[in-house]
Amino acid sequence: MRTLAYHGPGQKAWEEVPDPVITDPGDAVVRVDAVTICGTDLHILKGDVPEVTGGRILGHEAVGTVEEVGPGVRTVEPGDQVLVSCITACGTCRFCRETRYGQCLGGGGWTLGHTIDGTQAEYVRVPFADTSTHPVPAGAAPQDVLMLADILPTGYEVGVLNGGVRPGDVVAVVGAGPIGLSAVMGARLFSPSHVIAVDLADGRLDAARAFGADVTVNNSREDPLPVVREMTGGLGADVTIEAVGVPDAFESAVALARPGGRIANIGVHGRPAALHLEEQWIRDITITTGLVDTFSTPTLMRLITGGQLDAGRFVTHHFALEEFPQAYEVFADAAGTGALKVVLTR
């Protein structure tokens, strides 16, 4: 089969490799029908995730058709169309029993495209298929469901829920890429008074307004701190969500929060970021971090199929599966191309 493989920082190739096979009774082999690229894949290519070794097939998001299952699989069968989650879950360890699947001790967590071969391929082996796939509802658009593999649950769980967004809150989202936009969309479910989006690219700020942001700030031209303080009587935002993964974004998210505020870090950080405890120790702030658990995927699936969330608006570019090199170029140059999510299909 053909795959997109990582070969060290800055190096990738669309190449031929052997087809995946069942190696554990709980495995399924899934034919990839629709797949996308994540910002985390770009972090891997920059060398920010050293656990990813040369030759690894990238990708952790897909919708596909089950081709084969191991003898221990009970809930899916060949021919089923499924969402392949970015998080795999053994379902029995301490953390899985607490619905903290991202911290799975039984061989799950973020494995696809990280510690095992991923979804940017014609076929993928999915461990723990019973607990790591979701049936695609009849009539649902595969590209909409694909947004539930990672970005929507990540923005919702690690940003909105960890940040404790409540009715009437002022929420500042630093970074208006797909994850930041997911946080904007998810925050709107809790009736905040205002959502402020901060980004360096005007195109992404335009998207943030379409996704529900009331106020946008291009921080290449304007300091967001006076804007937020003017809106909040000088206090700062109730919740700030960092959705970039660079030190400046994290430090900005901390600065924008009010005393007693909540700061939810989503970004994948490859470098140290400063936390000025000499300034912050007295402010009663709460900082959360997290890897998505995807426990919210069934809820978000219902919101999509019920029309409360429009996941399709994330998709800005379409490619054929064999066009991965071009898709990466477009996605990596989001400021120039306007790309939010690119979708590759058979």
Foldseek 3Di string as FASTA:
>chain_A
DWFWWDAAAQDIDTDDDDQDDDDDQQKWKWFFFKFWDDVVVVCVNNVLQVQQHGGAGAGQFGWTFTCCHGNNHDDDGGGFIKTFAQWAAPCPDPCNVVLQRLPHPPPIHRCDRRVHHHDLGRMDMHGNVNRGIGGQDPPDDRLLLRCLNAQLLLLQVLAVVQQVQAAQFEEEEEDQFSNSLSVQLNSVVRHYPFYEYEEQFPLSQVVSVVSHHPYYYNVVVDQCQVVQCVVVVNFATQEYEQAAAEQVSQVSSVSRHGQLHEYGYRHSHSDDHDDPCVPCVPRNYHYYYDDRSSPCSVVVSVCCVVVVDPSVVLEDEEEASSCVVVSVVLVVVCSVNVHRMYMHGD
